[in-house]
Protein backbone atom coordinates (compact mmCIF):
# COMPACT_ATOMS: atom_id res chain seq x y z
CA MET A 1 104.90 141.14 153.29
CA LYS A 2 107.30 139.31 155.30
CA ASP A 3 109.54 137.88 153.16
CA LEU A 4 109.82 141.69 151.31
CA ILE A 5 110.61 143.80 154.76
CA LYS A 6 113.29 140.72 155.42
CA SER A 7 114.93 140.52 152.38
CA ILE A 8 115.38 144.58 152.08
CA ALA A 9 116.75 144.48 155.52
CA GLN A 10 119.10 141.86 155.88
CA ALA A 11 120.81 143.90 152.49
CA LEU A 12 120.46 146.95 154.06
CA VAL A 13 122.64 145.54 157.27
CA ASP A 14 125.87 143.78 158.58
CA HIS A 15 124.89 141.12 159.74
CA PRO A 16 122.05 139.28 157.79
CA GLU A 17 121.90 136.03 159.63
CA GLN A 18 120.12 138.01 162.72
CA VAL A 19 117.54 140.01 160.77
CA GLU A 20 114.31 138.57 162.24
CA VAL A 21 110.53 139.28 161.48
CA THR A 22 107.84 138.41 163.43
CA GLU A 23 104.45 138.78 161.79
CA ILE A 24 101.62 138.93 163.98
CA GLU A 25 98.14 138.84 161.69
CA GLY A 26 94.42 140.07 163.13
CA ASN A 27 91.75 140.51 160.92
CA GLN A 28 91.76 143.33 159.09
CA THR A 29 95.54 144.18 160.20
CA SER A 30 99.14 142.72 160.44
CA VAL A 31 102.11 143.54 162.26
CA LEU A 32 105.72 143.05 161.60
CA GLU A 33 108.15 142.99 164.09
CA LEU A 34 111.57 143.56 162.61
CA LYS A 35 114.93 142.65 165.46
CA VAL A 36 117.77 143.61 163.68
CA ALA A 37 121.59 143.31 165.88
CA LYS A 38 122.39 146.51 167.84
CA ASP A 39 124.82 147.06 165.45
CA ASP A 40 122.48 147.49 162.90
CA LEU A 41 119.92 149.32 164.15
CA GLY A 42 120.80 152.32 162.42
CA LYS A 43 121.08 151.52 159.35
CA VAL A 44 117.95 150.67 159.25
CA ILE A 45 116.48 153.45 160.74
CA GLY A 46 118.07 155.85 158.84
CA LYS A 47 119.31 159.03 158.60
CA GLN A 48 116.33 160.93 160.20
CA GLY A 49 113.66 157.61 160.12
CA ARG A 50 114.38 158.33 156.41
CA THR A 51 114.96 154.30 155.50
CA ALA A 52 112.72 152.98 157.79
CA ARG A 53 110.14 155.69 156.28
CA ALA A 54 110.29 154.79 153.61
CA MET A 55 110.41 150.64 153.70
CA ARG A 56 107.22 151.29 155.53
CA THR A 57 106.01 152.91 152.43
CA LEU A 58 106.69 149.92 150.48
CA LEU A 59 105.18 147.12 153.01
CA SER A 60 101.46 149.66 153.11
CA ALA A 61 102.13 149.71 148.77
CA ALA A 62 102.18 146.29 148.63
CA SER A 63 99.85 145.31 151.07
CA ALA A 64 97.32 147.79 149.38
CA LYS A 65 97.31 145.98 146.37
CA ILE A 66 96.26 142.99 148.98
CA ARG A 67 93.45 144.75 150.37
CA LYS A 68 94.96 144.46 153.96
CA ARG A 69 96.78 147.11 156.03
CA THR A 70 100.51 146.17 157.53
CA VAL A 71 102.30 148.08 160.16
CA LEU A 72 106.65 147.93 160.53
CA GLU A 73 107.33 147.77 164.07
CA ILE A 74 111.30 147.95 164.24
CA ILE A 75 111.79 146.78 167.54
CA GLU A 76 115.24 147.32 169.62
């Protein structure tokens, strides 16, 4: 899951070397924290949050396959 979000985010931003994904695992749920450069924050979120929503949809579909809930948080 971590690699999926990282590769998507790196494709969207101008500074792919500054993309960081941290995973916090729990029993049933994992939280992925995505950090990008300040300039690229708008590109990751998208207009009205559409890009972020699409990334969350992909993540939930992929995590449903392994029967684990994964949440994406975009850190400023």
